[in-house]
Amino acid sequence: MDHLAELKEFARLHARGQGIGDRQVAAVLPRITNDEPGHPASWARVWTGEADRLAVAGRPLDACRHYALARFPYHGDDVRRRAQDNCVRTFDDWRRRRGVERLVLDHPDGTVACWASGLDSRRRRPLLLVMGGIVSVKEQWAPLLPRLARLGWAAVVAEMPGVGENTLRYHADSWRLLPFLMDELAGRARVTDTSVLGLSFSGHLALRAAAEDPRIRSVHTVGAPVAGFFDDPDWWPRVPGITVATLRQLTAAPDDDALRALLAGFPLGPDVLGAVDIPVGYVVSSRDEIIPPTERQLLGAALPRVRFKEFDDVHGSPAHLGAMRKWLIGSLLRARVTHRLGGSRALSAGGAGRRPRATGGAPGLSPAVGAEAPGAPGSSDAFGASTVGGASGVVGSSLVGPSVVGPSVVGPSGAEGPSGSGPGVVGWVDAVPRQPRRSPVE
């Protein structure tokens, strides 16, 4: 598959993940004939034109989603960089009246920007860190924040190193970004009770961080690489070219050989995974074209408390979005209830520090290791959302339906979790949107 064909295939999957309809994607893709920076029919220019139109029409969240596709898979040229800037700007327009705040954190190696809801220095809630993969900007997941805050979390969406506004370099020690975020948020969230929803490659960071930092109480991920992706020479030739190119961009590797040498330091072995003695929820895609099946086998054997959910799908299970996201929210709440009932390791008085190694205990396929049968296809909307006001709601009632978080389920802060979508959360037409920056012309 050539580069443009691969871009279009990925676009179909990622557009669906953001709630952009298949018909709309099918109408746009034939107009894209190349990926030459600045060309009128190029990938970035065509998607940017669609986003500009939506921004002018007063639909900032829809515009944001299209700018995210325009900068896909990374902002490596001028048009994509402007799309990245406008993706942030239009989301900033949308979030202002929805209880979402912007954080810009100074890291020793650069800058980390986040979106957040539920942070409060007087009433610190359990922290939920949300992070996408190597091609996903934080704006794709940030519309979930008002819903997560209403479920009782202090929720923060960040990006992986090198993605979006994160200016850090991606390397084997990038997992340290998570303890950094917990340190920075300690005054406004209960960071000693942190859960991580780390999608794809950020799930790898979360597992590695959890082996070291006992403040992380649970990890929930979809298609995270663990070891085989990084060091299996037989699997590597099957990895999509866009994935390889993006990793080279994020790591600044000059060529594929240099990239493979860098990735040799990334695998997580049984010694590290055995220290992750917390609930882990892992969504497996049975036809995953990026993550090898050996990752599930390793996790099942090495993690003391892992549960799997499998979908007959490709990476990220885009055809099962509704079911997948319900399962993830259910996994988060299950881990939370387990913690409240005293089923997780007590945090030492010293705070952050290496988690004691697991010794003995049940083998990898003990009753602690759960597995569920492949699920049925879910909604194709970005968040399994309902329709509100003629537009697809970002956090509609099917994200966390009554079967997952009904009135009888206690949320993280002790309050009952709402089962419906409250006013002011869905519907994103702003009265006076700011104008996006003009795209470069020839």
Protein backbone atom coordinates (compact mmCIF):
# COMPACT_ATOMS: atom_id res chain seq x y z
CA MET A 1 0.00 0.00 0.00
CA ASP A 2 1.45 3.37 -1.01
CA HIS A 3 1.66 6.37 1.33
CA LEU A 4 -1.50 8.15 0.14
CA ALA A 5 -3.58 4.97 0.19
CA GLU A 6 -2.37 4.26 3.71
CA LEU A 7 -3.23 7.81 4.78
CA LYS A 8 -6.75 7.40 3.44
CA GLU A 9 -7.21 4.05 5.15
CA PHE A 10 -6.06 5.48 8.47
CA ALA A 11 -8.33 8.50 7.89
CA ARG A 12 -11.40 6.30 7.70
CA LEU A 13 -10.56 4.76 11.05
CA HIS A 14 -9.51 7.95 12.85
CA ALA A 15 -12.39 10.00 11.43
CA ARG A 16 -14.84 7.46 12.77
CA GLY A 17 -13.07 7.62 16.11
CA GLN A 18 -13.73 11.37 16.23
CA GLY A 19 -17.36 11.15 15.19
CA ILE A 20 -16.89 12.23 11.56
CA GLY A 21 -19.39 10.25 9.51
CA ASP A 22 -18.38 7.72 6.88
CA ARG A 23 -20.36 9.57 4.21
CA GLN A 24 -18.52 12.79 4.90
CA VAL A 25 -15.17 11.05 4.73
CA ALA A 26 -16.18 9.34 1.48
CA ALA A 27 -17.04 12.73 0.01
CA VAL A 28 -13.70 14.27 0.97
CA LEU A 29 -11.17 11.54 0.19
CA PRO A 30 -11.61 11.48 -3.62
CA ARG A 31 -10.61 15.16 -3.72
CA ILE A 32 -7.22 14.30 -2.18
CA THR A 33 -4.74 13.27 -4.86
CA ASN A 34 -1.38 13.71 -3.14
CA ASP A 35 0.45 14.57 0.08
CA GLU A 36 2.68 17.31 -1.32
CA PRO A 37 2.87 20.24 1.15
CA GLY A 38 0.95 23.24 -0.17
CA HIS A 39 -0.65 21.51 -3.16
CA PRO A 40 -4.36 22.47 -3.46
CA ALA A 41 -5.37 18.79 -3.69
CA SER A 42 -3.03 17.63 -0.95
CA TRP A 43 -4.08 15.82 2.21
CA ALA A 44 -3.53 18.72 4.57
CA ARG A 45 -4.97 21.42 2.30
CA VAL A 46 -8.23 19.59 1.55
CA TRP A 47 -8.93 18.68 5.18
CA THR A 48 -7.94 22.18 6.27
CA GLY A 49 -10.43 23.64 3.81
CA GLU A 50 -13.20 21.53 5.32
CA ALA A 51 -12.16 22.60 8.82
CA ASP A 52 -12.02 26.29 7.85
CA ARG A 53 -15.57 26.08 6.51
CA LEU A 54 -16.87 24.54 9.74
CA ALA A 55 -15.05 27.11 11.89
CA VAL A 56 -16.58 30.01 9.95
CA ALA A 57 -19.99 28.34 10.27
CA GLY A 58 -19.72 28.49 14.06
CA ARG A 59 -19.02 24.78 14.66
CA PRO A 60 -15.67 24.83 16.49
CA LEU A 61 -15.65 21.24 17.74
CA ASP A 62 -16.40 19.86 14.29
CA ALA A 63 -13.72 22.17 12.89
CA CYS A 64 -11.29 20.93 15.53
CA ARG A 65 -11.86 17.33 14.48
CA HIS A 66 -11.16 18.17 10.85
CA TYR A 67 -8.03 20.13 11.72
CA ALA A 68 -6.88 17.05 13.65
CA LEU A 69 -7.18 15.04 10.43
CA ALA A 70 -5.42 17.78 8.46
CA ARG A 71 -2.36 17.56 10.77
CA PHE A 72 -2.43 13.75 10.71
CA PRO A 73 -0.25 11.82 11.35
CA TYR A 74 2.05 14.57 12.69
CA HIS A 75 2.60 18.27 12.04
CA GLY A 76 5.74 18.04 9.95
CA ASP A 77 5.09 20.76 7.34
CA ASP A 78 3.73 24.33 7.35
CA VAL A 79 0.15 23.42 6.42
CA ARG A 80 -0.01 20.72 9.07
CA ARG A 81 1.52 23.03 11.66
CA ARG A 82 -1.19 25.60 11.00
CA ALA A 83 -3.79 22.84 11.22
CA GLN A 84 -2.33 21.81 14.58
CA ASP A 85 -2.54 25.41 15.83
CA ASN A 86 -6.13 25.75 14.61
CA CYS A 87 -7.06 22.40 16.15
CA VAL A 88 -6.06 23.81 19.55
CA ARG A 89 -7.66 27.20 18.85
CA THR A 90 -11.07 25.85 17.83
CA PHE A 91 -11.17 23.47 20.77
CA ASP A 92 -10.32 26.42 22.98
CA ASP A 93 -13.39 28.19 21.57
CA TRP A 94 -15.59 25.17 22.29
CA ARG A 95 -14.41 24.45 25.82
CA ARG A 96 -14.77 27.91 27.36
CA ARG A 97 -18.32 27.46 28.68
CA ARG A 98 -18.05 23.77 29.47
CA GLY A 99 -15.92 23.61 32.60
CA VAL A 100 -12.74 22.64 30.77
CA GLU A 101 -9.56 24.49 31.66
CA ARG A 102 -6.22 24.74 29.90
CA LEU A 103 -2.94 23.90 31.62
CA VAL A 104 0.53 24.66 30.28
CA LEU A 105 3.26 22.99 32.33
CA ASP A 106 6.97 23.73 32.18
CA HIS A 107 8.91 20.48 31.99
CA PRO A 108 12.71 20.35 32.27
CA ASP A 109 12.81 19.14 28.65
CA GLY A 110 10.07 21.31 27.15
CA THR A 111 6.40 22.20 27.45
CA VAL A 112 3.39 19.99 28.20
CA ALA A 113 -0.11 21.37 27.54
CA CYS A 114 -3.25 19.70 28.91
CA TRP A 115 -7.02 20.11 29.10
CA ALA A 116 -8.64 19.41 32.46
CA SER A 117 -11.92 19.29 34.38
CA GLY A 118 -12.65 18.71 38.04
CA LEU A 119 -9.40 20.05 39.50
CA ASP A 120 -10.02 21.66 42.90
CA SER A 121 -7.50 22.54 45.59
CA ARG A 122 -10.20 22.47 48.31
CA ARG A 123 -11.88 19.21 47.32
CA ARG A 124 -9.28 17.06 45.67
CA ARG A 125 -10.75 14.23 43.65
CA PRO A 126 -9.08 11.04 42.44
CA LEU A 127 -6.98 11.81 39.37
CA LEU A 128 -7.69 10.29 35.96
CA LEU A 129 -4.96 10.86 33.37
CA VAL A 130 -6.06 10.35 29.76
CA MET A 131 -3.54 10.13 26.93
CA GLY A 132 -3.79 9.07 23.29
CA GLY A 133 -1.23 7.38 21.08
CA ILE A 134 1.45 8.60 18.71
CA VAL A 135 -0.98 10.13 16.19
CA SER A 136 -3.74 11.31 18.55
CA VAL A 137 -3.86 14.89 19.81
CA LYS A 138 -5.41 15.66 23.18
CA GLU A 139 -8.31 17.53 21.53
CA GLN A 140 -9.64 14.19 20.26
CA TRP A 141 -10.26 13.01 23.83
CA ALA A 142 -10.82 16.24 25.73
CA PRO A 143 -14.59 16.44 24.98
CA LEU A 144 -14.92 13.56 27.45
CA LEU A 145 -13.73 15.75 30.32
CA PRO A 146 -17.07 17.22 31.50
CA ARG A 147 -18.57 13.73 31.69
CA LEU A 148 -15.58 12.33 33.58
CA ALA A 149 -15.69 15.24 36.03
CA ARG A 150 -19.38 14.56 36.68
CA LEU A 151 -18.45 10.97 37.46
CA GLY A 152 -16.23 12.29 40.25
CA TRP A 153 -12.75 12.40 38.74
CA ALA A 154 -10.27 15.18 38.40
CA ALA A 155 -9.64 14.39 34.73
CA VAL A 156 -6.69 15.60 32.70
CA VAL A 157 -6.00 14.91 29.02
CA ALA A 158 -2.39 15.17 27.86
CA GLU A 159 -0.37 14.11 24.83
CA MET A 160 2.52 11.77 24.33
CA PRO A 161 5.98 13.29 23.92
CA GLY A 162 6.31 14.88 20.49
CA VAL A 163 2.57 14.79 19.77
CA GLY A 164 0.53 17.96 19.36
CA GLU A 165 1.68 20.66 21.78
CA ASN A 166 3.96 18.35 23.75
CA THR A 167 7.50 19.47 22.85
CA LEU A 168 9.32 16.63 24.63
CA ARG A 169 11.25 13.95 22.74
CA TYR A 170 9.90 10.37 22.78
CA HIS A 171 12.41 7.93 24.26
CA ALA A 172 12.62 4.90 26.54
CA ASP A 173 12.29 7.02 29.70
CA SER A 174 9.23 8.93 28.49
CA TRP A 175 7.15 7.09 31.07
CA ARG A 176 8.51 9.62 33.57
CA LEU A 177 6.06 12.13 32.08
CA LEU A 178 3.28 10.51 34.13
CA PRO A 179 4.96 10.99 37.54
CA PHE A 180 5.77 14.54 36.42
CA LEU A 181 2.08 15.21 35.74
CA MET A 182 1.09 13.75 39.10
CA ASP A 183 3.65 15.96 40.86
CA GLU A 184 2.36 19.06 39.06
CA LEU A 185 -1.29 18.28 39.85
CA ALA A 186 -0.78 17.27 43.49
CA GLY A 187 -2.28 20.47 44.86
CA ARG A 188 -5.53 20.15 42.92
CA ALA A 189 -6.16 16.39 42.68
CA ARG A 190 -5.77 13.31 44.84
CA VAL A 191 -2.75 12.02 42.97
CA THR A 192 -2.18 9.20 45.45
CA ASP A 193 -5.28 7.68 43.84
CA THR A 194 -4.48 7.98 40.13
CA SER A 195 -5.92 5.95 37.26
CA VAL A 196 -4.50 6.10 33.74
CA LEU A 197 -6.51 5.68 30.57
CA GLY A 198 -3.59 5.32 28.17
CA LEU A 199 -4.55 4.48 24.62
CA SER A 200 -2.18 2.58 22.32
CA PHE A 201 1.44 3.71 22.83
CA SER A 202 0.63 5.72 25.94
CA GLY A 203 -0.57 2.47 27.51
CA HIS A 204 3.04 1.33 27.32
CA LEU A 205 4.10 4.45 29.24
CA ALA A 206 1.38 3.81 31.83
CA LEU A 207 2.42 0.22 32.48
CA ARG A 208 6.06 1.22 32.83
CA ALA A 209 5.21 4.09 35.18
CA ALA A 210 2.92 1.88 37.27
CA ALA A 211 5.82 -0.48 37.94
CA GLU A 212 7.67 2.39 39.63
CA ASP A 213 5.06 4.75 41.07
CA PRO A 214 2.52 3.42 43.61
CA ARG A 215 0.32 6.48 43.14
CA ILE A 216 -0.99 4.80 39.98
CA ARG A 217 -3.83 2.57 41.18
CA SER A 218 -5.09 1.21 37.84
CA VAL A 219 -4.25 1.23 34.13
CA HIS A 220 -6.72 0.89 31.25
CA THR A 221 -5.55 0.69 27.66
CA VAL A 222 -6.39 -0.26 24.09
CA GLY A 223 -3.81 -2.00 21.94
CA ALA A 224 -0.72 -0.97 23.89
CA PRO A 225 2.67 -2.21 22.66
CA VAL A 226 4.61 -4.00 25.36
CA ALA A 227 7.64 -5.89 24.08
CA GLY A 228 7.17 -7.73 20.79
CA PHE A 229 6.32 -4.61 18.84
CA PHE A 230 9.65 -3.10 19.81
CA ASP A 231 11.99 -6.07 19.49
CA ASP A 232 10.43 -8.76 17.27
CA PRO A 233 12.30 -8.68 13.92
CA ASP A 234 9.67 -10.87 12.28
CA TRP A 235 6.84 -8.49 13.21
CA TRP A 236 8.51 -5.21 12.28
CA PRO A 237 8.19 -5.56 8.47
CA ARG A 238 4.40 -5.76 8.93
CA VAL A 239 4.15 -2.45 10.81
CA PRO A 240 2.39 0.23 8.68
CA GLY A 241 4.66 2.80 7.10
CA ILE A 242 2.77 5.69 8.74
CA THR A 243 3.46 4.20 12.19
CA VAL A 244 7.17 3.88 11.41
CA ALA A 245 7.37 7.41 9.96
CA THR A 246 5.58 8.86 12.98
CA LEU A 247 7.91 7.09 15.41
CA ARG A 248 10.88 8.46 13.51
CA GLN A 249 9.41 11.96 13.80
CA LEU A 250 8.74 11.68 17.55
CA THR A 251 12.13 10.14 18.36
CA ALA A 252 14.10 12.23 15.81
CA ALA A 253 15.64 9.00 14.48
CA PRO A 254 17.38 9.75 11.16
CA ASP A 255 16.47 6.42 9.55
CA ASP A 256 14.75 3.12 10.20
CA ASP A 257 17.92 1.42 11.48
CA ALA A 258 18.45 4.20 14.03
CA LEU A 259 14.80 3.92 15.06
CA ARG A 260 15.08 0.18 15.64
CA ALA A 261 18.18 0.78 17.77
CA LEU A 262 16.30 3.33 19.87
CA LEU A 263 13.26 1.08 20.29
CA ALA A 264 15.47 -1.71 21.61
CA GLY A 265 15.34 0.03 24.99
CA PHE A 266 11.52 0.11 25.13
CA PRO A 267 10.36 -3.52 25.78
CA LEU A 268 8.80 -4.34 29.13
CA GLY A 269 9.84 -7.72 30.45
CA PRO A 270 8.26 -10.01 33.05
CA ASP A 271 10.36 -8.43 35.81
CA VAL A 272 8.85 -4.97 35.18
CA LEU A 273 5.34 -6.22 34.49
CA GLY A 274 5.36 -8.40 37.60
CA ALA A 275 5.66 -5.24 39.68
CA VAL A 276 2.40 -3.87 38.23
CA ASP A 277 0.24 -5.40 40.95
CA ILE A 278 -2.81 -3.22 40.25
CA PRO A 279 -5.94 -3.70 38.12
CA VAL A 280 -5.15 -3.50 34.40
CA GLY A 281 -7.83 -3.47 31.70
CA TYR A 282 -6.61 -4.20 28.17
CA VAL A 283 -8.66 -4.11 24.96
CA VAL A 284 -7.37 -6.52 22.32
CA SER A 285 -8.15 -6.17 18.61
CA SER A 286 -7.92 -9.63 17.05
CA ARG A 287 -6.88 -8.24 13.63
CA ASP A 288 -4.52 -5.59 14.98
CA GLU A 289 -2.11 -4.59 12.21
CA ILE A 290 0.24 -2.73 14.58
CA ILE A 291 0.38 -4.72 17.84
CA PRO A 292 1.51 -8.38 17.68
CA PRO A 293 -0.63 -11.04 19.40
CA THR A 294 2.32 -11.99 21.59
CA GLU A 295 1.69 -8.85 23.68
CA ARG A 296 -1.52 -10.32 25.11
CA GLN A 297 0.23 -13.59 25.89
CA LEU A 298 3.00 -11.78 27.74
CA LEU A 299 0.58 -9.62 29.73
CA GLY A 300 -1.57 -12.61 30.64
CA ALA A 301 1.44 -14.47 31.99
CA ALA A 302 3.17 -11.54 33.73
CA LEU A 303 0.48 -9.20 35.09
CA PRO A 304 -1.03 -10.35 38.38
CA ARG A 305 -4.40 -8.57 37.92
CA VAL A 306 -5.22 -8.12 34.23
CA ARG A 307 -8.58 -8.32 32.44
CA PHE A 308 -8.91 -8.52 28.65
CA LYS A 309 -11.69 -7.54 26.29
CA GLU A 310 -11.35 -8.70 22.70
CA PHE A 311 -13.00 -7.30 19.59
CA ASP A 312 -12.81 -8.73 16.10
CA ASP A 313 -11.33 -5.57 14.65
CA VAL A 314 -8.18 -3.70 13.60
CA HIS A 315 -6.00 -1.51 15.82
CA GLY A 316 -8.07 0.61 18.19
CA SER A 317 -11.27 -1.36 17.43
CA PRO A 318 -12.87 1.55 15.48
CA ALA A 319 -15.87 -0.55 14.46
CA HIS A 320 -16.70 -1.20 18.12
CA LEU A 321 -16.29 2.26 19.60
CA GLY A 322 -19.46 2.33 21.68
CA ALA A 323 -18.91 -1.11 23.19
CA MET A 324 -15.21 -0.47 23.71
CA ARG A 325 -15.69 2.80 25.55
CA LYS A 326 -18.41 1.37 27.73
CA TRP A 327 -16.06 -1.44 28.67
CA LEU A 328 -13.24 1.00 29.46
CA ILE A 329 -15.45 3.15 31.69
CA GLY A 330 -16.72 0.00 33.36
CA SER A 331 -13.11 -1.12 33.84
CA LEU A 332 -12.26 2.21 35.46
CA LEU A 333 -15.21 2.01 37.82
CA ARG A 334 -14.57 -1.65 38.65
CA ALA A 335 -11.02 -0.80 39.65
CA ARG A 336 -12.29 2.13 41.69
CA VAL A 337 -14.76 -0.02 43.60
CA THR A 338 -12.03 -2.63 44.18
CA HIS A 339 -9.81 0.05 45.65
CA ARG A 340 -12.58 1.40 47.89
CA LEU A 341 -13.18 -2.10 49.21
CA GLY A 342 -9.50 -2.44 50.08
CA GLY A 343 -8.54 -4.77 47.27
CA SER A 344 -5.46 -2.86 46.14
CA ARG A 345 -2.07 -2.38 47.69
CA ALA A 346 -1.93 0.26 50.43
CA LEU A 347 0.15 3.28 49.50
CA SER A 348 3.26 3.67 51.56
CA ALA A 349 3.67 6.81 53.60
CA GLY A 350 6.65 7.75 51.45
CA GLY A 351 4.50 8.51 48.39
CA ALA A 352 6.02 7.77 45.01
CA GLY A 353 8.56 4.99 44.86
CA ARG A 354 9.22 1.64 43.27
CA ARG A 355 6.41 -0.84 43.78
CA PRO A 356 7.54 -4.01 45.57
CA ARG A 357 8.15 -6.91 43.22
CA ALA A 358 5.45 -9.53 43.09
CA THR A 359 6.59 -12.72 44.79
CA GLY A 360 4.80 -15.97 44.33
CA GLY A 361 1.04 -15.68 44.08
CA ALA A 362 -1.20 -17.05 41.40
CA PRO A 363 0.28 -17.82 37.98
CA GLY A 364 -0.46 -15.61 35.02
CA LEU A 365 -3.68 -17.40 34.07
CA SER A 366 -5.14 -17.46 37.54
CA PRO A 367 -8.70 -16.26 38.29
CA ALA A 368 -7.22 -12.76 38.65
CA VAL A 369 -6.67 -12.75 34.90
CA GLY A 370 -10.01 -12.07 33.28
CA ALA A 371 -10.90 -12.53 29.63
CA GLU A 372 -14.12 -11.70 27.87
CA ALA A 373 -15.46 -12.86 24.56
CA PRO A 374 -15.34 -10.57 21.53
CA GLY A 375 -18.04 -7.93 21.72
CA ALA A 376 -20.67 -6.85 19.27
CA PRO A 377 -20.14 -3.76 17.14
CA GLY A 378 -20.88 -0.52 18.92
CA SER A 379 -21.81 2.95 17.78
CA SER A 380 -19.70 4.61 15.11
CA ASP A 381 -19.91 7.91 16.93
CA ALA A 382 -16.73 9.15 18.55
CA PHE A 383 -17.89 8.56 22.10
CA GLY A 384 -20.86 6.26 21.63
CA ALA A 385 -22.93 9.40 21.92
CA SER A 386 -26.58 10.15 21.46
CA THR A 387 -27.95 12.80 19.12
CA VAL A 388 -28.73 16.17 20.66
CA GLY A 389 -30.01 19.27 18.90
CA GLY A 390 -29.46 17.82 15.44
CA ALA A 391 -25.78 17.11 16.11
CA SER A 392 -23.97 14.11 17.47
CA GLY A 393 -23.43 14.68 21.18
CA VAL A 394 -19.90 14.32 22.38
CA VAL A 395 -20.70 12.69 25.66
CA GLY A 396 -24.17 11.30 25.22
CA SER A 397 -25.86 8.76 27.39
CA SER A 398 -24.51 5.70 25.64
CA LEU A 399 -20.92 6.46 26.66
CA VAL A 400 -21.78 5.39 30.16
CA GLY A 401 -25.17 3.81 29.87
CA PRO A 402 -27.38 2.64 32.72
CA SER A 403 -25.99 -0.88 32.37
CA VAL A 404 -22.50 0.42 33.20
CA VAL A 405 -23.00 3.35 35.52
CA GLY A 406 -26.51 3.30 36.78
CA PRO A 407 -27.81 5.21 39.79
CA SER A 408 -26.71 2.45 42.12
CA VAL A 409 -23.04 2.67 41.15
CA VAL A 410 -20.89 4.76 43.44
CA GLY A 411 -18.51 7.10 41.62
CA PRO A 412 -14.89 7.79 42.54
CA SER A 413 -15.64 10.59 44.97
CA GLY A 414 -18.41 8.66 46.68
CA ALA A 415 -21.25 10.31 44.77
CA GLU A 416 -23.59 8.35 42.59
CA GLY A 417 -22.54 8.30 38.95
CA PRO A 418 -25.09 9.97 36.63
CA SER A 419 -26.58 7.78 33.95
CA GLY A 420 -27.76 10.48 31.57
CA SER A 421 -26.18 13.42 29.82
CA GLY A 422 -26.83 16.60 31.71
CA PRO A 423 -27.49 20.01 30.23
CA GLY A 424 -24.63 22.04 28.88
CA VAL A 425 -22.39 19.07 28.08
CA VAL A 426 -23.46 18.37 24.53
CA GLY A 427 -24.09 20.77 21.68
CA TRP A 428 -21.12 22.83 20.56
CA VAL A 429 -22.27 25.75 18.46
CA ASP A 430 -20.59 28.90 19.78
CA ALA A 431 -22.15 32.26 19.03
CA VAL A 432 -18.99 34.13 18.09
CA PRO A 433 -16.21 31.75 17.05
CA ARG A 434 -12.75 33.13 16.52
CA GLN A 435 -11.48 32.95 12.95
CA PRO A 436 -8.81 30.34 12.17
CA ARG A 437 -5.49 31.30 10.71
CA ARG A 438 -5.45 31.26 6.95
CA SER A 439 -3.89 28.23 5.33
CA PRO A 440 -0.81 28.91 3.22
CA VAL A 441 -1.41 29.40 -0.49
CA GLU A 442 0.91 28.98 -3.41
